[in-house]
């Protein structure tokens, strides 16, 4: 099964704020997410966010990328610097971000 990788609106804005080197690295990881977003590789350790069911994460330099799989779509929701990505406030923000239905203005990543 092949997945489509798309950004929720907050993540699309955050994506353009991270350093260019990390944006390029993310684009190189997209084919692996499209193939199987649940699978970990030595260069892409995917983990379940235990406190928010259905949300997954992987590191991207000093950032953590949070995503949710909905059918055949991988929704990228947040790019957060570590360690603040794990505070109680951030857990609430994750629930709020992924709890809503994707808007029509959501974007596909640029290649």
N, C-alpha and C. Protein backbone atom coordinates (compact mmCIF):
# COMPACT_ATOMS: atom_id res chain seq x y z
N UNK A 1 0.84 -1.18 0.00
CA UNK A 1 0.00 0.00 0.00
C UNK A 1 0.89 1.24 0.00
N UNK A 2 0.53 2.20 -0.78
CA UNK A 2 1.27 3.45 -0.86
C UNK A 2 0.49 4.56 -0.15
N UNK A 3 1.19 5.41 0.56
CA UNK A 3 0.58 6.49 1.31
C UNK A 3 0.94 7.83 0.67
N UNK A 4 0.06 8.80 0.83
CA UNK A 4 0.34 10.17 0.39
C UNK A 4 0.73 10.97 1.63
N UNK A 5 1.78 11.76 1.53
CA UNK A 5 2.24 12.59 2.64
C UNK A 5 1.75 14.01 2.40
N UNK A 6 0.99 14.53 3.38
CA UNK A 6 0.44 15.89 3.27
C UNK A 6 0.66 16.63 4.58
N UNK A 7 0.66 17.94 4.50
CA UNK A 7 0.84 18.79 5.67
C UNK A 7 -0.50 19.35 6.13
N UNK A 8 -0.71 19.37 7.46
CA UNK A 8 -1.77 20.19 8.01
C UNK A 8 -1.27 21.63 7.97
N UNK A 9 -2.16 22.58 8.01
CA UNK A 9 -1.79 23.99 7.86
C UNK A 9 -0.70 24.46 8.83
N UNK A 10 -0.77 24.13 10.14
CA UNK A 10 0.30 24.59 11.05
C UNK A 10 1.67 24.04 10.64
N UNK A 11 1.71 22.79 10.23
CA UNK A 11 2.99 22.18 9.87
C UNK A 11 3.55 22.76 8.58
N UNK A 12 2.68 23.15 7.66
CA UNK A 12 3.16 23.76 6.41
C UNK A 12 3.89 25.06 6.71
N UNK A 13 3.38 25.84 7.65
CA UNK A 13 4.03 27.09 8.04
C UNK A 13 5.34 26.81 8.78
N UNK A 14 5.30 25.84 9.69
CA UNK A 14 6.49 25.51 10.47
C UNK A 14 7.59 24.95 9.59
N UNK A 15 7.21 24.20 8.57
CA UNK A 15 8.19 23.57 7.69
C UNK A 15 9.11 24.61 7.06
N UNK A 16 8.58 25.76 6.70
CA UNK A 16 9.37 26.79 6.04
C UNK A 16 10.21 27.59 7.03
N UNK A 17 10.01 27.38 8.32
CA UNK A 17 10.82 28.06 9.35
C UNK A 17 12.03 27.25 9.78
N UNK A 18 12.03 25.96 9.51
CA UNK A 18 13.17 25.15 9.92
C UNK A 18 14.31 25.36 8.92
N UNK A 19 15.55 25.08 9.31
CA UNK A 19 16.69 25.30 8.42
C UNK A 19 16.58 24.52 7.11
N UNK A 20 17.13 25.10 6.07
CA UNK A 20 17.07 24.50 4.72
C UNK A 20 17.63 23.08 4.69
N UNK A 21 18.73 22.86 5.42
CA UNK A 21 19.35 21.53 5.45
C UNK A 21 18.36 20.49 5.98
N UNK A 22 17.58 20.85 7.00
CA UNK A 22 16.61 19.92 7.57
C UNK A 22 15.40 19.75 6.65
N UNK A 23 15.01 20.80 5.95
CA UNK A 23 13.92 20.66 4.97
C UNK A 23 14.32 19.68 3.88
N UNK A 24 15.57 19.77 3.42
CA UNK A 24 16.05 18.83 2.40
C UNK A 24 16.09 17.41 2.95
N UNK A 25 16.54 17.26 4.19
CA UNK A 25 16.59 15.94 4.81
C UNK A 25 15.17 15.36 4.93
N UNK A 26 14.20 16.19 5.29
CA UNK A 26 12.81 15.73 5.37
C UNK A 26 12.32 15.24 4.01
N UNK A 27 12.62 15.99 2.97
CA UNK A 27 12.19 15.60 1.62
C UNK A 27 12.79 14.27 1.20
N UNK A 28 13.99 13.98 1.68
CA UNK A 28 14.62 12.69 1.39
C UNK A 28 13.95 11.55 2.15
N UNK A 29 13.29 11.85 3.27
CA UNK A 29 12.61 10.82 4.07
C UNK A 29 11.18 10.55 3.59
N UNK A 30 10.62 11.45 2.81
CA UNK A 30 9.22 11.31 2.36
C UNK A 30 8.96 9.98 1.65
N UNK A 31 9.84 9.51 0.73
CA UNK A 31 9.55 8.21 0.10
C UNK A 31 9.41 7.05 1.08
N UNK A 32 10.14 7.11 2.19
CA UNK A 32 10.03 6.05 3.20
C UNK A 32 8.71 6.14 3.94
N UNK A 33 8.25 7.36 4.20
CA UNK A 33 6.93 7.53 4.83
C UNK A 33 5.83 7.10 3.88
N UNK A 34 6.01 7.37 2.58
CA UNK A 34 5.01 6.96 1.60
C UNK A 34 4.93 5.44 1.47
N UNK A 35 6.05 4.77 1.65
CA UNK A 35 6.08 3.31 1.54
C UNK A 35 5.43 2.65 2.76
N UNK A 36 5.83 3.08 3.97
CA UNK A 36 5.28 2.52 5.20
C UNK A 36 5.59 3.47 6.36
N UNK A 37 4.64 4.30 6.78
CA UNK A 37 4.92 5.27 7.83
C UNK A 37 5.13 4.67 9.22
N UNK A 38 4.78 3.40 9.41
CA UNK A 38 4.93 2.77 10.72
C UNK A 38 6.29 2.09 10.88
N UNK A 39 7.02 1.94 9.81
CA UNK A 39 8.27 1.19 9.86
C UNK A 39 9.44 2.10 10.24
N UNK A 40 10.28 1.60 11.12
CA UNK A 40 11.49 2.32 11.51
C UNK A 40 12.67 1.82 10.70
N UNK A 41 13.57 2.72 10.41
CA UNK A 41 14.83 2.42 9.74
C UNK A 41 15.94 2.95 10.65
N UNK A 42 17.19 2.55 10.42
CA UNK A 42 18.28 3.10 11.25
C UNK A 42 18.36 4.64 11.16
N UNK A 43 17.99 5.18 10.02
CA UNK A 43 18.05 6.63 9.80
C UNK A 43 16.69 7.31 10.01
N UNK A 44 15.65 6.52 10.32
CA UNK A 44 14.29 7.06 10.52
C UNK A 44 13.59 6.26 11.62
N UNK A 45 13.92 6.55 12.89
CA UNK A 45 13.28 5.81 13.99
C UNK A 45 11.89 6.36 14.30
N UNK A 46 10.87 5.68 13.83
CA UNK A 46 9.48 6.09 14.04
C UNK A 46 8.99 5.50 15.35
N UNK A 47 8.36 6.35 16.19
CA UNK A 47 7.86 5.89 17.48
C UNK A 47 6.44 6.40 17.69
N UNK A 48 5.67 5.62 18.42
CA UNK A 48 4.31 6.00 18.80
C UNK A 48 4.39 7.00 19.96
N UNK A 49 3.58 8.04 19.90
CA UNK A 49 3.49 8.98 21.02
C UNK A 49 2.48 8.37 21.97
N UNK A 50 2.95 7.75 23.01
CA UNK A 50 2.09 6.98 23.90
C UNK A 50 0.97 7.75 24.54
N UNK A 51 1.20 9.02 24.89
CA UNK A 51 0.19 9.79 25.61
C UNK A 51 -0.88 10.35 24.69
N UNK A 52 -0.67 10.26 23.38
CA UNK A 52 -1.67 10.71 22.41
C UNK A 52 -1.85 9.57 21.40
N UNK A 53 -2.85 8.71 21.59
CA UNK A 53 -3.03 7.54 20.72
C UNK A 53 -3.20 7.93 19.25
N UNK A 54 -2.55 7.16 18.38
CA UNK A 54 -2.67 7.37 16.94
C UNK A 54 -1.71 8.39 16.37
N UNK A 55 -0.91 9.02 17.22
CA UNK A 55 0.06 10.01 16.77
C UNK A 55 1.45 9.37 16.83
N UNK A 56 2.24 9.62 15.80
CA UNK A 56 3.58 9.05 15.68
C UNK A 56 4.58 10.19 15.57
N UNK A 57 5.85 9.88 15.80
CA UNK A 57 6.89 10.90 15.71
C UNK A 57 8.19 10.29 15.21
N UNK A 58 9.04 11.17 14.68
CA UNK A 58 10.40 10.78 14.34
C UNK A 58 11.28 12.02 14.45
N UNK A 59 12.58 11.81 14.72
CA UNK A 59 13.48 12.95 14.86
C UNK A 59 13.92 13.49 13.50
N UNK A 60 14.14 14.79 13.47
CA UNK A 60 14.69 15.46 12.30
C UNK A 60 15.65 16.51 12.84
N UNK A 61 16.90 16.10 13.03
CA UNK A 61 17.88 16.97 13.68
C UNK A 61 17.40 17.26 15.10
N UNK A 62 17.38 18.54 15.51
CA UNK A 62 16.92 18.87 16.86
C UNK A 62 15.39 18.93 16.96
N UNK A 63 14.69 18.71 15.86
CA UNK A 63 13.23 18.77 15.82
C UNK A 63 12.63 17.37 15.96
N UNK A 64 11.36 17.34 16.33
CA UNK A 64 10.57 16.12 16.28
C UNK A 64 9.40 16.41 15.35
N UNK A 65 9.15 15.47 14.45
CA UNK A 65 8.07 15.61 13.49
C UNK A 65 6.94 14.69 13.96
N UNK A 66 5.76 15.26 14.14
CA UNK A 66 4.60 14.51 14.62
C UNK A 66 3.63 14.32 13.46
N UNK A 67 3.12 13.10 13.33
CA UNK A 67 2.21 12.81 12.22
C UNK A 67 1.14 11.81 12.64
N UNK A 68 0.09 11.75 11.83
CA UNK A 68 -1.01 10.83 12.03
C UNK A 68 -1.33 10.18 10.69
N UNK A 69 -1.64 8.90 10.71
CA UNK A 69 -2.01 8.19 9.49
C UNK A 69 -3.53 8.05 9.48
N UNK A 70 -4.14 8.54 8.41
CA UNK A 70 -5.59 8.49 8.25
C UNK A 70 -5.87 7.84 6.91
N UNK A 71 -6.25 6.56 6.94
CA UNK A 71 -6.47 5.83 5.69
C UNK A 71 -5.16 5.68 4.93
N UNK A 72 -5.09 6.25 3.75
CA UNK A 72 -3.86 6.16 2.97
C UNK A 72 -3.13 7.50 2.91
N UNK A 73 -3.38 8.35 3.91
CA UNK A 73 -2.73 9.66 3.97
C UNK A 73 -1.96 9.81 5.27
N UNK A 74 -0.72 10.26 5.16
CA UNK A 74 0.10 10.59 6.32
C UNK A 74 0.01 12.10 6.50
N UNK A 75 -0.61 12.53 7.60
CA UNK A 75 -0.78 13.96 7.87
C UNK A 75 0.33 14.43 8.79
N UNK A 76 1.21 15.29 8.27
CA UNK A 76 2.27 15.89 9.08
C UNK A 76 1.62 17.06 9.83
N UNK A 77 1.70 17.04 11.16
CA UNK A 77 0.99 18.05 11.94
C UNK A 77 1.86 19.06 12.65
N UNK A 78 3.05 18.67 13.09
CA UNK A 78 3.88 19.57 13.87
C UNK A 78 5.36 19.28 13.66
N UNK A 79 6.15 20.35 13.71
CA UNK A 79 7.61 20.28 13.78
C UNK A 79 7.97 21.01 15.07
N UNK A 80 8.48 20.30 16.07
CA UNK A 80 8.80 20.92 17.34
C UNK A 80 10.24 20.65 17.72
N UNK A 81 10.86 21.68 18.31
CA UNK A 81 12.19 21.49 18.88
C UNK A 81 12.10 20.61 20.11
N UNK A 82 13.09 19.79 20.29
CA UNK A 82 13.14 18.95 21.45
C UNK A 82 13.94 19.67 22.53
N UNK A 83 13.66 19.63 23.77
CA UNK A 83 12.75 18.82 24.54
C UNK A 83 11.36 19.41 24.74
N UNK A 84 11.05 20.68 24.40
CA UNK A 84 9.70 21.16 24.71
C UNK A 84 8.58 20.36 24.07
N UNK A 85 8.87 19.52 23.10
CA UNK A 85 7.83 18.76 22.41
C UNK A 85 7.14 17.75 23.32
N UNK A 86 7.61 17.59 24.53
CA UNK A 86 7.04 16.56 25.38
C UNK A 86 6.35 17.09 26.64
N UNK A 87 6.18 18.39 26.75
CA UNK A 87 5.52 18.97 27.92
C UNK A 87 4.01 18.78 27.86
N UNK A 88 3.34 19.01 28.98
CA UNK A 88 1.88 18.84 29.06
C UNK A 88 1.16 19.77 28.09
N UNK A 89 1.66 21.00 27.97
CA UNK A 89 1.04 21.95 27.06
C UNK A 89 1.14 21.46 25.62
N UNK A 90 2.26 20.86 25.29
CA UNK A 90 2.46 20.38 23.94
C UNK A 90 1.59 19.16 23.64
N UNK A 91 1.35 18.33 24.64
CA UNK A 91 0.46 17.19 24.46
C UNK A 91 -0.95 17.69 24.14
N UNK A 92 -1.40 18.73 24.86
CA UNK A 92 -2.71 19.32 24.55
C UNK A 92 -2.73 19.89 23.14
N UNK A 93 -1.65 20.53 22.75
CA UNK A 93 -1.57 21.11 21.40
C UNK A 93 -1.61 20.01 20.34
N UNK A 94 -0.95 18.88 20.58
CA UNK A 94 -1.01 17.75 19.65
C UNK A 94 -2.44 17.25 19.50
N UNK A 95 -3.12 17.09 20.62
CA UNK A 95 -4.51 16.62 20.57
C UNK A 95 -5.39 17.60 19.80
N UNK A 96 -5.15 18.88 20.00
CA UNK A 96 -5.93 19.90 19.30
C UNK A 96 -5.61 19.90 17.80
N UNK A 97 -4.34 19.77 17.45
CA UNK A 97 -3.92 19.79 16.05
C UNK A 97 -4.47 18.61 15.29
N UNK A 98 -4.34 17.41 15.86
CA UNK A 98 -4.75 16.21 15.14
C UNK A 98 -6.21 15.85 15.38
N UNK A 99 -6.87 16.53 16.31
CA UNK A 99 -8.25 16.21 16.62
C UNK A 99 -9.24 16.76 15.61
N UNK A 100 -8.82 17.69 14.79
CA UNK A 100 -9.74 18.28 13.82
C UNK A 100 -9.60 17.61 12.46
N UNK A 101 -10.61 17.78 11.67
CA UNK A 101 -10.60 17.24 10.32
C UNK A 101 -9.69 18.09 9.46
N UNK A 102 -8.87 17.49 8.59
CA UNK A 102 -8.00 18.28 7.72
C UNK A 102 -8.81 19.25 6.87
N UNK A 103 -8.34 20.48 6.81
CA UNK A 103 -9.02 21.52 6.05
C UNK A 103 -8.71 21.39 4.56
N UNK A 104 -9.51 22.03 3.75
CA UNK A 104 -9.29 21.97 2.30
C UNK A 104 -8.03 22.71 1.90
N UNK A 105 -7.53 23.59 2.76
CA UNK A 105 -6.33 24.34 2.46
C UNK A 105 -5.05 23.60 2.79
N UNK A 106 -5.15 22.36 3.25
CA UNK A 106 -3.96 21.61 3.59
C UNK A 106 -3.16 21.32 2.33
N UNK A 107 -1.87 21.22 2.51
CA UNK A 107 -0.95 21.19 1.38
C UNK A 107 -0.19 19.89 1.28
N UNK A 108 0.27 19.60 0.09
CA UNK A 108 1.20 18.50 -0.11
C UNK A 108 2.60 19.09 -0.03
N UNK A 109 3.57 18.30 0.44
CA UNK A 109 4.93 18.84 0.53
C UNK A 109 5.51 19.12 -0.86
N UNK A 110 6.32 20.15 -0.93
CA UNK A 110 6.99 20.46 -2.20
C UNK A 110 8.16 19.53 -2.38
N UNK A 111 8.40 19.18 -3.61
CA UNK A 111 9.54 18.29 -3.89
C UNK A 111 10.57 18.96 -4.70
